[in-house]
Amino acid sequence: MSAHPLSRRTVLRGAALVPAAGLGAAACAPPDDGRAEGPAEPVELGSAEAVPKGGAEIFREHHVVVSRSEEGEYRAFSAVCTHRSCPLHKIKGTVSTCTCHGSRFDVTTGEVLQGPAVAPLTELDVSADGGRLVARPRTA
């Protein structure tokens, strides 16, 4: 017999931690809905004027971020962190920070500014057709 037998309380505490650990791991797992790559087909985002010159806007419904240069040219990226596929929600200036693990991205270039992400945001094609922004997967 062991000199230090496990108490019932110790066993119950350990059993209670197992589901919590599983929830933590599930929260960090990427969703299996293809969002990291952006829309699979063209999507209308809204008014081209919603994106200010020199700024950017996140279109949460479609997981797309669009920036507009001072010259009026648009660029679009998937608004999903490349680290663990958490959606990007906010922009400060031209930087979006993933609320899950703190990765920071320049939304005008898609470049990673701070990890843990190492891959840039997925770039999309974007056009302002008739004053409406349309994003689509990039053509090679």
Protein backbone atom coordinates (compact mmCIF):
# COMPACT_ATOMS: atom_id res chain seq x y z
CA MET A 1 0.00 0.00 0.00
CA SER A 2 1.24 3.52 -0.83
CA ALA A 3 2.36 5.79 1.99
CA HIS A 4 0.32 8.67 0.49
CA PRO A 5 -2.96 7.33 -0.85
CA LEU A 6 -5.02 9.66 -3.03
CA SER A 7 -7.93 11.20 -1.25
CA ARG A 8 -11.38 11.27 -2.78
CA ARG A 9 -11.12 15.09 -2.92
CA THR A 10 -7.90 14.93 -5.00
CA VAL A 11 -9.45 12.50 -7.47
CA LEU A 12 -12.59 14.65 -7.85
CA ARG A 13 -10.53 17.82 -8.39
CA GLY A 14 -8.54 16.10 -11.13
CA ALA A 15 -11.72 14.83 -12.79
CA ALA A 16 -13.19 18.35 -12.74
CA LEU A 17 -10.15 19.78 -14.56
CA VAL A 18 -10.27 17.37 -17.50
CA PRO A 19 -13.38 18.91 -19.17
CA ALA A 20 -12.05 22.44 -18.58
CA ALA A 21 -8.79 21.55 -20.30
CA GLY A 22 -10.75 20.17 -23.25
CA LEU A 23 -12.72 23.41 -23.54
CA GLY A 24 -9.52 25.44 -23.57
CA ALA A 25 -8.08 23.31 -26.35
CA ALA A 26 -11.31 23.56 -28.34
CA ALA A 27 -11.30 27.35 -28.03
CA CYS A 28 -7.86 27.47 -29.67
CA ALA A 29 -8.73 25.05 -32.45
CA PRO A 30 -9.44 26.59 -35.85
CA PRO A 31 -13.05 26.44 -37.00
CA ASP A 32 -13.76 24.04 -39.82
CA ASP A 33 -15.71 26.49 -41.96
CA GLY A 34 -13.07 27.67 -44.46
CA ARG A 35 -13.05 31.27 -43.21
CA ALA A 36 -9.24 31.56 -43.10
CA GLU A 37 -9.15 31.78 -46.87
CA GLY A 38 -11.97 34.30 -47.13
CA PRO A 39 -15.08 33.99 -49.27
CA ALA A 40 -15.17 31.09 -51.74
CA GLU A 41 -17.19 33.13 -54.24
CA PRO A 42 -17.81 36.85 -54.89
CA VAL A 43 -19.58 38.68 -52.08
CA GLU A 44 -21.01 42.20 -52.07
CA LEU A 45 -19.71 44.00 -49.00
CA GLY A 46 -21.51 47.32 -49.17
CA SER A 47 -20.83 50.88 -50.20
CA ALA A 48 -17.33 51.69 -51.43
CA GLU A 49 -17.63 54.95 -49.46
CA ALA A 50 -17.80 52.96 -46.20
CA VAL A 51 -14.01 52.67 -46.39
CA PRO A 52 -12.39 56.06 -45.77
CA LYS A 53 -9.35 57.18 -47.78
CA GLY A 54 -6.25 56.24 -45.80
CA GLY A 55 -8.29 53.89 -43.62
CA ALA A 56 -9.88 50.47 -43.47
CA GLU A 57 -13.14 48.76 -42.57
CA ILE A 58 -13.96 45.23 -41.42
CA PHE A 59 -17.02 43.63 -42.99
CA ARG A 60 -17.65 41.09 -40.21
CA GLU A 61 -20.50 39.25 -41.89
CA HIS A 62 -18.15 38.14 -44.68
CA HIS A 63 -14.88 38.04 -42.66
CA VAL A 64 -13.26 40.57 -45.00
CA VAL A 65 -11.20 43.67 -44.25
CA VAL A 66 -10.84 46.35 -46.94
CA SER A 67 -8.35 49.22 -46.91
CA ARG A 68 -8.34 52.28 -49.15
CA SER A 69 -5.21 54.25 -49.98
CA GLU A 70 -5.14 58.05 -50.05
CA GLU A 71 -5.21 57.68 -53.85
CA GLY A 72 -8.48 55.74 -53.61
CA GLU A 73 -7.18 52.23 -54.42
CA TYR A 74 -8.76 49.34 -52.49
CA ARG A 75 -7.10 46.18 -51.11
CA ALA A 76 -8.95 43.34 -49.38
CA PHE A 77 -7.88 40.54 -47.07
CA SER A 78 -9.52 37.76 -45.14
CA ALA A 79 -10.34 39.14 -41.66
CA VAL A 80 -9.41 35.84 -40.04
CA CYS A 81 -6.19 35.43 -38.07
CA THR A 82 -3.78 33.03 -39.74
CA HIS A 83 -2.63 31.66 -36.36
CA ARG A 84 -5.80 29.89 -35.15
CA SER A 85 -8.54 31.27 -37.41
CA CYS A 86 -10.09 33.68 -34.91
CA PRO A 87 -12.02 36.50 -36.61
CA LEU A 88 -10.54 39.99 -36.50
CA HIS A 89 -13.03 42.45 -35.00
CA LYS A 90 -11.43 45.88 -34.61
CA ILE A 91 -9.04 48.19 -36.40
CA LYS A 92 -6.99 50.94 -34.77
CA GLY A 93 -5.50 53.09 -37.50
CA THR A 94 -4.47 50.44 -40.02
CA VAL A 95 -3.70 47.68 -37.48
CA SER A 96 -6.01 44.88 -36.40
CA THR A 97 -5.20 42.80 -33.33
CA CYS A 98 -6.54 39.28 -32.92
CA THR A 99 -8.40 39.12 -29.63
CA CYS A 100 -7.66 35.40 -29.19
CA HIS A 101 -3.85 35.40 -29.01
CA GLY A 102 -2.67 38.96 -29.77
CA SER A 103 -1.37 38.63 -33.34
CA ARG A 104 -1.28 42.04 -35.03
CA PHE A 105 -1.72 42.66 -38.75
CA ASP A 106 -1.27 45.66 -41.03
CA VAL A 107 -4.63 45.66 -42.82
CA THR A 108 -3.24 47.66 -45.77
CA THR A 109 -0.71 44.93 -46.65
CA GLY A 110 -1.86 41.84 -44.72
CA GLU A 111 1.61 41.69 -43.13
CA VAL A 112 2.08 40.20 -39.67
CA LEU A 113 3.34 42.88 -37.28
CA GLN A 114 3.40 40.70 -34.16
CA GLY A 115 3.01 36.96 -33.60
CA PRO A 116 2.16 34.31 -32.76
CA ALA A 117 0.84 34.35 -36.36
CA VAL A 118 3.61 33.98 -38.94
CA ALA A 119 1.59 33.93 -42.19
CA PRO A 120 0.10 37.13 -43.62
CA LEU A 121 -3.64 37.59 -44.07
CA THR A 122 -5.00 35.96 -47.23
CA GLU A 123 -5.35 38.60 -49.94
CA LEU A 124 -8.59 38.81 -51.91
CA ASP A 125 -9.50 40.59 -55.12
CA VAL A 126 -11.75 43.60 -54.57
CA SER A 127 -13.49 46.01 -56.90
CA ALA A 128 -15.83 48.95 -56.52
CA ASP A 129 -18.49 47.97 -59.07
CA GLY A 130 -21.12 50.70 -59.37
CA GLY A 131 -20.07 52.17 -56.02
CA ARG A 132 -20.46 48.78 -54.26
CA LEU A 133 -17.48 46.81 -52.98
CA VAL A 134 -17.25 43.23 -54.20
CA ALA A 135 -14.62 40.83 -52.79
CA ARG A 136 -13.71 37.53 -54.40
CA PRO A 137 -11.01 34.88 -54.13
CA ARG A 138 -7.77 35.84 -55.85
CA THR A 139 -7.15 34.48 -59.30
CA ALA A 140 -3.63 33.18 -59.82
